[in-house]
Structures are given as structure tokens and as C-alpha cells.
Amino acid sequence: MSNAQNIVILGGSYAGLSVAHYFLKHILPTLPKNNGASYHVYLIDSSTHYYWRIAAPRALVGKDMIQQDKMFLPIADGFKQYDSSIFTFIQATATSMDTNARTVTIEHASNSDSQTLPYHALVIATGTRTPSPLLSLQGDYKITQNALQEMWGKLSSAKTIVIAGGGPAGVETAGEIGEALNGVAGFFQSRPANPKAKITLLSGSTKLLPMLRPALAKQAEVYLNRVGVDVVHNAKMQSVDSAGAQTLIHLDNGSTLEADIYIPATGVTPNSAFVPANLKTDKGYVKTNGKTLRVDEAGPRVYAAGDVGSYTRGGVMDIYDAIPVVLTNIKRDLQHAATAGASSPSPNNNNNNNNEKQSELAGNAPGSDRTYKANLKETQLVPVGRSKGV
């Protein structure tokens, strides 16, 4: 371990877990072991458990909808097949990153102690978070578990529910709650006959589901109506106040809604507070080379994978497209660093392309990288209730 080069992966969700497994299975065995060098993978996440957030809209309806042991999976258990000499999982949160010293500082969840961890290669895969802990982790998984339990208790007596956000999370959440509480309209009916709750979905645009074509958005609205959900377009939440047991939702059109339950599903925020400002976009996403998925401005062997990167529209399907790219380029860069040294160009490179020489001088492998190409087709599948969707 004294000569081990640290491969640090920040984030234990779809992207981070995929990177870690792929690296340990397919890349680590191929790396040169010059002069006794070795590699150690550190996977860092603020939660001990992975959250299957795709199922969150259905899970929040009731504890019997999806088994909890299928929703929350221990991360460490998934890596038992790897020896402790090559892999370590740490429950901690990244608090800072020093690209000159090539270190990340993490705060351990168990005792709040800080640790500075040097990296030979770094993958930032910290993802994004939703405004509500119901729909994504906000730290340890127990926060989300508690939020779900609180929601189950409230739904049984709720008469008015407001959901803000006309994207997939908002539409799916509204559909699941609508069908659970109000049932589904009968044949030749557009709405349930005896709805239990008044459910309102706020769309901040002229249509739902902005990444899908208008016909599909309209069909989603029809399905929502059939489970007793009213869609209000061109209405955005401005602020929220509490009034006893009620929540007051103030809209940008000057009106105010009262609700027994309010669920914000209005977009996501990248988990990038620890990343230096010069490495982030105005919206907080990590500036990523859209082809190689390297974070070029961070120095050699730094990469972004998943929703935290600026290269992606977000979503699991984009992650699956990106993982082979980022891992192939990590492999090339590490092999080059081991055989030629990351601080100087390979003596065998005769390519006169200036961009390639600049890349090699930065510590990247010579030759052709594997490149990422965004899939701009309609790839969203949005359930609306238990049997419909678009």
C-alpha cells in the first residue's frame, strides 16, 4: 500500500457505482505494476446505502408499494468480492478539492473528522439532488427513509395536495398519488367519480414534460385528469409558508394555494459545492470536455461522470452511454502515466496535431480518445399511475 496510487471516486449512485465496478473488474488488472506500483480505489459517498430513486414516486405513496430492502441497498455489500487491499468505501462528504496539490478533503459521517485524500485519478460522480428528500438522497439514506414515513402518515388524511414541477418527477408523483387516493376514471369518463383529494400539479411552462413532443405532453395531462389531478400551466412557486398544519404556496401570478401536502419537484441542483468555482458553470455543473469527459481545467486524470457534469442532459440512459467513454479514457491515461510519465509527452508520439500535443502535455494518453456522443432522441419513459404512461 505504500506505493499505491489512489483512484478516488466521489459519489455512490448510478455513475459512481458503475465507474467503481468497471474499474475494479476491467481496468485494474490491466495496469502496469512498474517498480512495485499498485492502485487503490476509494469510493466516497455521504450515504451508506444506494437509493433506487427511479422508484421514488411510487414508493412515497405507501410502504407496501415497494419493499424497502429493494429501495435502499447497502453500498459496501456490493463490493464484498474485492479485496480490501484494492478497495475502500468511506461514508463521507467531499468538502473541498485542491487541483494543485491533487487532493480532496472529505468529512467523515461517523465523527465529522476531516481527511485529506491525495488522488492519482479522480472521478467526480456526485450527481444532483432534488428539492425534496423524497425524490433523491440529501445525505444519509435515513433522511429519505424518514421523509417517506412522514409522507405515508400524511397521505391517509390529506384532502389537498400540491406538487410543483411539470417534469418527469412531478408528473409521475402526481399520477401515483392520484391513482392511490382517487382511483381511475371509468369507461367514457374523464375524471374519477368520487375523488378523495384535490390534487394540483403546477407546470411552469405551457406544457408538461419539456423534453417530449407536445402530443405526448398532452396525453400525459389526459392521464393525470383521469386520476383526479388538475394541471395548472404557466404557474411557478415563488415561496412557501406554513400556516399551522397547512402549507401556503405563493405563485408568481400572485395567487396562493393551501395544501395539506406540498411536494416540490422543480428541477435539480448539482452536488458540486466542494468543486472550485473556476471548474463549474454558472449553474454549478462541473465543466466537462463534451467528448472525452475529462475535466480539462482540473489537470491530468480528472473526469466527470453522470448528472453533475456539464456534458449531459441528465438521466440514467445518458450515464450508460458515458461510462464506457470515461473508463476507456481513464485506462488510456493511467497506462500512459505508468509507462511514460504523466508530466511529459510520450517519445513515440509523432502526431503533429496541436490539440493532441496539448492533451498529452496535460498528462493524457497520446492517440485517439474514445468520445462521447449525446443521444438527443426522445428517451424518457414517464409512468402516469400504475398502468399508463408516455
Protein backbone atom coordinates (compact mmCIF):
# COMPACT_ATOMS: atom_id res chain seq x y z
CA MET A 1 0.00 0.00 0.00
CA SER A 2 2.96 2.35 0.48
CA ASN A 3 3.33 2.79 -3.30
CA ALA A 4 -0.41 2.72 -4.03
CA GLN A 5 -1.81 5.29 -6.41
CA ASN A 6 -5.25 6.42 -5.26
CA ILE A 7 -8.15 6.25 -7.68
CA VAL A 8 -10.79 8.37 -5.94
CA ILE A 9 -14.43 8.16 -7.00
CA LEU A 10 -16.78 10.71 -5.46
CA GLY A 11 -20.41 9.59 -5.49
CA GLY A 12 -22.13 6.26 -4.87
CA SER A 13 -25.15 6.37 -7.14
CA TYR A 14 -25.59 5.18 -10.74
CA ALA A 15 -22.47 6.78 -12.18
CA GLY A 16 -20.11 6.31 -9.25
CA LEU A 17 -21.04 2.68 -8.67
CA SER A 18 -20.71 1.90 -12.37
CA VAL A 19 -17.28 3.55 -12.54
CA ALA A 20 -16.04 1.70 -9.46
CA HIS A 21 -17.16 -1.77 -10.59
CA TYR A 22 -15.95 -1.30 -14.16
CA PHE A 23 -12.57 -0.05 -12.98
CA LEU A 24 -12.04 -2.86 -10.47
CA LYS A 25 -13.14 -5.60 -12.87
CA HIS A 26 -11.80 -4.48 -16.21
CA ILE A 27 -9.13 -1.80 -15.81
CA LEU A 28 -7.18 -2.51 -12.64
CA PRO A 29 -5.99 -5.96 -13.80
CA THR A 30 -4.54 -4.44 -16.99
CA LEU A 31 -2.49 -1.64 -15.43
CA PRO A 32 1.32 -1.93 -15.37
CA LYS A 33 2.89 -2.53 -11.97
CA ASN A 34 6.21 -0.79 -12.65
CA ASN A 35 8.62 -0.65 -9.69
CA GLY A 36 6.07 -2.26 -7.40
CA ALA A 37 3.39 0.38 -8.03
CA SER A 38 -0.17 -0.51 -7.16
CA TYR A 39 -3.59 1.12 -7.22
CA HIS A 40 -6.26 1.56 -4.58
CA VAL A 41 -9.85 2.59 -5.31
CA TYR A 42 -11.64 4.82 -2.82
CA LEU A 43 -15.38 5.20 -3.24
CA ILE A 44 -16.78 8.12 -1.24
CA ASP A 45 -20.46 8.79 -0.59
CA SER A 46 -22.42 10.57 2.12
CA SER A 47 -24.81 7.61 2.44
CA THR A 48 -24.09 4.01 3.37
CA HIS A 49 -26.95 2.94 1.11
CA TYR A 50 -27.76 3.43 -2.53
CA TYR A 51 -31.27 4.80 -3.20
CA TRP A 52 -33.20 3.49 -6.21
CA ARG A 53 -34.65 6.92 -6.86
CA ILE A 54 -36.34 5.91 -10.12
CA ALA A 55 -38.97 4.20 -7.99
CA ALA A 56 -39.38 7.11 -5.57
CA PRO A 57 -42.74 8.44 -6.93
CA ARG A 58 -44.36 5.05 -6.39
CA ALA A 59 -42.61 4.36 -3.09
CA LEU A 60 -43.82 7.59 -1.50
CA VAL A 61 -47.46 6.50 -1.90
CA GLY A 62 -47.23 3.71 0.69
CA LYS A 63 -44.81 1.40 2.44
CA ASP A 64 -46.32 -1.65 0.76
CA MET A 65 -45.80 -0.38 -2.79
CA ILE A 66 -42.10 -1.31 -2.95
CA GLN A 67 -40.10 -3.26 -0.39
CA GLN A 68 -37.65 -1.04 1.45
CA ASP A 69 -34.81 -3.53 1.04
CA LYS A 70 -35.28 -3.13 -2.72
CA MET A 71 -35.21 0.68 -2.48
CA PHE A 72 -32.19 1.09 -0.19
CA LEU A 73 -29.22 -1.17 -0.85
CA PRO A 74 -26.01 -1.22 1.25
CA ILE A 75 -23.16 0.02 -0.93
CA ALA A 76 -20.44 -1.91 0.86
CA ASP A 77 -22.26 -5.21 0.31
CA GLY A 78 -21.99 -4.76 -3.43
CA PHE A 79 -18.18 -4.65 -3.23
CA LYS A 80 -17.52 -7.65 -0.99
CA GLN A 81 -15.91 -9.51 -3.87
CA TYR A 82 -12.97 -7.06 -3.92
CA ASP A 83 -10.06 -7.37 -1.52
CA SER A 84 -9.54 -4.58 1.00
CA SER A 85 -6.05 -4.06 -0.41
CA ILE A 86 -7.55 -2.60 -3.58
CA PHE A 87 -10.89 -1.11 -2.49
CA THR A 88 -12.23 1.02 0.35
CA PHE A 89 -15.69 2.51 0.79
CA ILE A 90 -15.92 5.57 3.03
CA GLN A 91 -19.12 7.21 4.18
CA ALA A 92 -18.13 10.84 3.93
CA THR A 93 -18.91 14.07 2.11
CA ALA A 94 -16.41 15.90 -0.09
CA THR A 95 -15.88 19.42 1.26
CA SER A 96 -13.07 20.78 -0.91
CA MET A 97 -10.79 19.96 -3.81
CA ASP A 98 -7.25 21.22 -4.47
CA THR A 99 -6.20 20.73 -8.08
CA ASN A 100 -2.64 21.93 -7.45
CA ALA A 101 -2.00 19.53 -4.58
CA ARG A 102 -4.23 16.94 -6.27
CA THR A 103 -6.20 16.22 -3.12
CA VAL A 104 -9.80 16.13 -2.00
CA THR A 105 -10.88 16.79 1.57
CA ILE A 106 -13.71 14.72 2.96
CA GLU A 107 -15.72 14.89 6.17
CA HIS A 108 -16.48 11.54 7.74
CA ALA A 109 -20.12 10.94 8.64
CA SER A 110 -19.30 8.94 11.75
CA ASN A 111 -17.38 11.63 13.64
CA SER A 112 -17.21 14.73 11.39
CA ASP A 113 -13.42 14.38 11.21
CA SER A 114 -11.77 15.74 8.08
CA GLN A 115 -9.38 13.74 5.95
CA THR A 116 -7.30 14.92 3.01
CA LEU A 117 -7.02 12.24 0.38
CA PRO A 118 -4.48 12.52 -2.46
CA TYR A 119 -5.57 11.26 -5.86
CA HIS A 120 -3.72 9.89 -8.86
CA ALA A 121 -7.01 9.91 -10.75
CA LEU A 122 -10.30 11.47 -9.70
CA VAL A 123 -13.83 10.82 -10.93
CA ILE A 124 -16.49 13.33 -9.88
CA ALA A 125 -19.79 11.46 -9.92
CA THR A 126 -21.69 13.20 -7.14
CA GLY A 127 -24.86 13.67 -9.18
CA THR A 128 -27.70 16.06 -8.44
CA ARG A 129 -30.32 16.42 -5.74
CA THR A 130 -33.99 17.34 -5.85
CA PRO A 131 -35.60 19.94 -3.57
CA SER A 132 -37.35 17.16 -1.65
CA PRO A 133 -35.60 14.26 0.13
CA LEU A 134 -38.47 12.07 -1.08
CA LEU A 135 -37.10 12.07 -4.62
CA SER A 136 -33.34 11.91 -4.00
CA LEU A 137 -30.87 11.50 -1.19
CA GLN A 138 -29.98 14.59 0.83
CA GLY A 139 -27.13 12.97 2.73
CA ASP A 140 -27.52 9.67 4.55
CA TYR A 141 -30.33 7.44 3.33
CA LYS A 142 -32.09 7.60 6.70
CA ILE A 143 -33.14 11.18 5.91
CA THR A 144 -35.08 9.91 2.91
CA GLN A 145 -36.47 6.95 4.82
CA ASN A 146 -37.82 9.31 7.49
CA ALA A 147 -39.31 11.60 4.81
CA LEU A 148 -41.09 8.63 3.22
CA GLN A 149 -42.51 7.50 6.56
CA GLU A 150 -43.77 11.01 7.26
CA MET A 151 -45.40 11.15 3.82
CA TRP A 152 -47.17 7.81 4.34
CA GLY A 153 -48.70 9.15 7.52
CA LYS A 154 -49.92 12.37 5.92
CA LEU A 155 -51.40 10.84 2.75
CA SER A 156 -54.04 8.85 4.61
CA SER A 157 -55.86 12.02 5.68
CA ALA A 158 -54.79 14.57 3.06
CA LYS A 159 -57.56 16.46 1.26
CA THR A 160 -55.46 18.94 -0.72
CA ILE A 161 -52.11 18.17 -2.33
CA VAL A 162 -49.93 20.46 -4.45
CA ILE A 163 -46.99 19.22 -6.50
CA ALA A 164 -44.71 21.80 -8.13
CA GLY A 165 -42.89 20.81 -11.30
CA GLY A 166 -44.06 19.69 -14.73
CA GLY A 167 -41.11 17.43 -15.49
CA PRO A 168 -40.98 13.63 -15.19
CA ALA A 169 -40.66 13.59 -11.40
CA GLY A 170 -43.63 15.89 -10.89
CA VAL A 171 -45.84 14.12 -13.43
CA GLU A 172 -45.05 10.65 -12.14
CA THR A 173 -45.51 11.69 -8.50
CA ALA A 174 -48.86 13.30 -9.24
CA GLY A 175 -50.02 10.25 -11.16
CA GLU A 176 -49.06 7.81 -8.41
CA ILE A 177 -50.72 9.85 -5.67
CA GLY A 178 -53.78 10.50 -7.81
CA GLU A 179 -54.43 6.85 -8.53
CA ALA A 180 -53.71 5.79 -4.94
CA LEU A 181 -56.14 8.31 -3.45
CA ASN A 182 -58.72 8.93 -6.17
CA GLY A 183 -58.72 5.81 -8.27
CA VAL A 184 -59.11 5.91 -12.04
CA ALA A 185 -61.96 7.28 -14.13
CA GLY A 186 -64.32 4.68 -15.50
CA PHE A 187 -65.10 3.98 -19.13
CA PHE A 188 -66.23 7.06 -21.07
CA GLN A 189 -65.31 9.28 -18.10
CA SER A 190 -62.54 11.84 -17.94
CA ARG A 191 -62.26 12.07 -14.16
CA PRO A 192 -62.82 9.81 -11.12
CA ALA A 193 -66.40 9.76 -9.86
CA ASN A 194 -65.58 10.20 -6.16
CA PRO A 195 -62.13 11.69 -5.68
CA LYS A 196 -60.79 11.65 -2.14
CA ALA A 197 -58.30 14.51 -2.56
CA LYS A 198 -57.90 17.62 -4.67
CA ILE A 199 -54.51 17.27 -6.34
CA THR A 200 -52.90 20.13 -8.25
CA LEU A 201 -49.78 19.88 -10.41
CA LEU A 202 -48.06 23.19 -11.16
CA SER A 203 -46.40 23.40 -14.55
CA GLY A 204 -44.09 26.34 -15.02
CA SER A 205 -44.47 26.17 -18.79
CA THR A 206 -47.17 25.93 -21.45
CA LYS A 207 -46.97 22.13 -21.39
CA LEU A 208 -45.78 19.24 -19.30
CA LEU A 209 -42.61 17.23 -19.92
CA PRO A 210 -40.49 19.79 -21.81
CA MET A 211 -38.19 17.17 -23.36
CA LEU A 212 -41.07 15.36 -25.05
CA ARG A 213 -43.14 16.45 -28.02
CA PRO A 214 -46.45 18.27 -27.39
CA ALA A 215 -48.66 15.30 -28.30
CA LEU A 216 -47.09 13.17 -25.58
CA ALA A 217 -47.30 16.01 -23.07
CA LYS A 218 -51.00 16.40 -23.80
CA GLN A 219 -51.58 12.67 -23.43
CA ALA A 220 -49.84 12.74 -20.04
CA GLU A 221 -52.21 15.52 -18.95
CA VAL A 222 -55.22 13.44 -20.04
CA TYR A 223 -53.95 10.51 -17.96
CA LEU A 224 -53.45 12.81 -14.96
CA ASN A 225 -57.01 14.11 -15.26
CA ARG A 226 -58.26 10.52 -15.19
CA VAL A 227 -56.75 10.07 -11.71
CA GLY A 228 -58.10 13.37 -10.44
CA VAL A 229 -55.10 15.63 -10.96
CA ASP A 230 -55.61 19.21 -12.14
CA VAL A 231 -52.73 20.68 -14.13
CA VAL A 232 -52.12 24.43 -13.89
CA HIS A 233 -49.80 25.73 -16.60
CA ASN A 234 -47.61 28.84 -16.53
CA ALA A 235 -47.58 28.86 -12.74
CA LYS A 236 -44.39 28.74 -10.71
CA MET A 237 -43.89 28.52 -6.98
CA GLN A 238 -42.33 31.69 -5.62
CA SER A 239 -42.26 30.94 -1.90
CA VAL A 240 -43.72 28.60 0.69
CA ASP A 241 -45.00 29.37 4.19
CA SER A 242 -46.50 27.30 6.98
CA ALA A 243 -49.88 28.08 8.46
CA GLY A 244 -50.42 25.53 11.20
CA ALA A 245 -50.79 22.14 9.59
CA GLN A 246 -51.29 23.74 6.17
CA THR A 247 -48.68 24.83 3.65
CA LEU A 248 -49.21 28.08 1.74
CA ILE A 249 -47.75 28.05 -1.77
CA HIS A 250 -47.34 31.53 -3.22
CA LEU A 251 -47.28 31.59 -7.03
CA ASP A 252 -45.67 34.00 -9.44
CA ASN A 253 -49.11 35.06 -10.73
CA GLY A 254 -49.98 36.49 -7.32
CA SER A 255 -52.28 33.70 -6.18
CA THR A 256 -51.82 31.46 -3.15
CA LEU A 257 -52.72 27.78 -2.77
CA GLU A 258 -53.29 25.96 0.52
CA ALA A 259 -52.32 22.33 0.85
CA ASP A 260 -52.18 19.57 3.41
CA ILE A 261 -49.19 18.22 1.49
CA TYR A 262 -46.76 20.12 -0.71
CA ILE A 263 -44.11 18.29 -2.77
CA PRO A 264 -41.52 20.34 -4.67
CA ALA A 265 -40.32 18.55 -7.80
CA THR A 266 -38.89 21.58 -9.59
CA GLY A 267 -35.62 20.53 -11.13
CA VAL A 268 -32.32 19.53 -9.57
CA THR A 269 -29.17 21.08 -8.08
CA PRO A 270 -25.71 19.64 -8.80
CA ASN A 271 -23.83 18.29 -5.78
CA SER A 272 -20.72 20.31 -6.50
CA ALA A 273 -20.22 22.67 -3.55
CA PHE A 274 -16.74 21.23 -2.98
CA VAL A 275 -15.59 21.92 -6.56
CA PRO A 276 -13.58 25.13 -7.15
CA ALA A 277 -15.64 27.87 -8.77
CA ASN A 278 -13.44 28.03 -11.89
CA LEU A 279 -14.32 24.41 -12.65
CA LYS A 280 -18.08 24.98 -12.59
CA THR A 281 -20.64 26.51 -14.91
CA ASP A 282 -22.94 29.31 -13.77
CA LYS A 283 -25.45 26.68 -12.73
CA GLY A 284 -22.92 24.71 -10.71
CA TYR A 285 -22.27 21.81 -13.08
CA VAL A 286 -18.69 20.58 -13.44
CA LYS A 287 -17.14 21.88 -16.67
CA THR A 288 -16.55 18.73 -18.68
CA ASN A 289 -14.99 18.13 -22.05
CA GLY A 290 -18.06 17.08 -24.00
CA LYS A 291 -16.14 14.45 -25.97
CA THR A 292 -13.59 12.91 -23.60
CA LEU A 293 -15.46 13.58 -20.32
CA ARG A 294 -12.26 14.87 -18.76
CA VAL A 295 -12.34 17.96 -16.58
CA ASP A 296 -9.57 19.60 -18.58
CA GLU A 297 -9.08 22.63 -16.37
CA ALA A 298 -8.52 20.46 -13.28
CA GLY A 299 -5.28 18.93 -14.54
CA PRO A 300 -4.43 15.37 -15.55
CA ARG A 301 -6.65 12.40 -14.87
CA VAL A 302 -9.72 14.20 -13.55
CA TYR A 303 -13.09 13.20 -15.01
CA ALA A 304 -16.82 13.80 -14.55
CA ALA A 305 -19.46 11.11 -14.92
CA GLY A 306 -23.20 11.39 -14.59
CA ASP A 307 -25.58 14.25 -13.95
CA VAL A 308 -23.05 16.51 -12.20
CA GLY A 309 -21.18 17.01 -15.49
CA SER A 310 -21.94 19.83 -17.90
CA TYR A 311 -21.89 17.46 -20.88
CA THR A 312 -25.21 15.72 -20.20
CA ARG A 313 -28.94 16.40 -20.25
CA GLY A 314 -29.14 14.05 -17.29
CA GLY A 315 -30.70 10.67 -16.77
CA VAL A 316 -29.68 7.05 -16.41
CA MET A 317 -29.56 6.37 -20.14
CA ASP A 318 -27.00 9.13 -20.62
CA ILE A 319 -24.94 7.62 -17.82
CA TYR A 320 -24.90 4.24 -19.54
CA ASP A 321 -23.63 5.92 -22.70
CA ALA A 322 -20.96 7.85 -20.81
CA ILE A 323 -19.46 5.13 -18.63
CA PRO A 324 -17.61 3.25 -21.42
CA VAL A 325 -16.19 6.56 -22.65
CA VAL A 326 -14.86 7.85 -19.36
CA LEU A 327 -13.50 4.44 -18.32
CA THR A 328 -11.74 3.86 -21.64
CA ASN A 329 -10.04 7.24 -21.36
CA ILE A 330 -9.11 6.63 -17.72
CA LYS A 331 -7.48 3.37 -18.74
CA ARG A 332 -5.51 5.04 -21.53
CA ASP A 333 -4.37 7.88 -19.28
CA LEU A 334 -3.30 5.59 -16.45
CA GLN A 335 -1.40 3.27 -18.76
CA HIS A 336 0.35 6.27 -20.28
CA ALA A 337 1.19 7.67 -16.85
CA ALA A 338 2.61 4.32 -15.76
CA THR A 339 4.75 3.72 -18.83
CA ALA A 340 5.78 7.20 -19.98
CA GLY A 341 5.19 9.50 -17.01
CA ALA A 342 2.27 11.90 -16.84
CA SER A 343 4.44 15.02 -16.84
CA SER A 344 5.96 14.54 -20.28
CA PRO A 345 4.80 13.53 -23.76
CA SER A 346 5.29 10.02 -25.00
CA PRO A 347 8.53 9.79 -27.01
CA ASN A 348 6.77 7.56 -29.54
CA ASN A 349 4.16 10.16 -30.47
CA ASN A 350 4.79 11.69 -33.91
CA ASN A 351 1.37 13.30 -34.31
CA ASN A 352 1.67 17.00 -35.18
CA ASN A 353 -1.86 17.88 -34.19
CA ASN A 354 -1.60 20.75 -31.71
CA ASN A 355 -4.70 19.76 -29.77
CA GLU A 356 -3.39 16.25 -29.27
CA LYS A 357 0.02 17.51 -28.15
CA GLN A 358 -1.64 19.87 -25.68
CA SER A 359 -3.67 16.97 -24.34
CA GLU A 360 -0.59 14.79 -23.97
CA LEU A 361 1.35 17.52 -22.19
CA ALA A 362 -1.55 17.71 -19.75
CA GLY A 363 -0.97 14.06 -18.84
CA ASN A 364 -3.48 12.48 -21.20
CA ALA A 365 -2.58 9.46 -23.32
CA PRO A 366 -1.43 10.04 -26.91
CA GLY A 367 -3.53 8.86 -29.80
CA SER A 368 -7.28 8.81 -30.22
CA ASP A 369 -9.59 9.06 -27.25
CA ARG A 370 -12.92 7.33 -27.06
CA THR A 371 -15.52 10.05 -27.50
CA TYR A 372 -18.98 10.64 -26.12
CA LYS A 373 -21.91 11.50 -28.35
CA ALA A 374 -25.08 12.75 -26.71
CA ASN A 375 -28.27 10.90 -27.55
CA LEU A 376 -30.72 13.70 -28.32
CA LYS A 377 -33.64 11.44 -29.17
CA GLU A 378 -36.74 11.13 -27.01
CA THR A 379 -35.61 8.63 -24.42
CA GLN A 380 -37.86 9.46 -21.47
CA LEU A 381 -40.47 6.97 -20.33
CA VAL A 382 -42.84 8.58 -17.83
CA PRO A 383 -45.40 6.40 -15.98
CA VAL A 384 -48.66 8.13 -15.10
CA GLY A 385 -50.33 5.95 -12.50
CA ARG A 386 -49.81 2.21 -12.38
CA SER A 387 -50.90 1.23 -15.89
CA LYS A 388 -50.48 4.28 -18.14
CA GLY A 389 -47.59 6.42 -19.29
CA VAL A 390 -45.95 8.23 -22.16
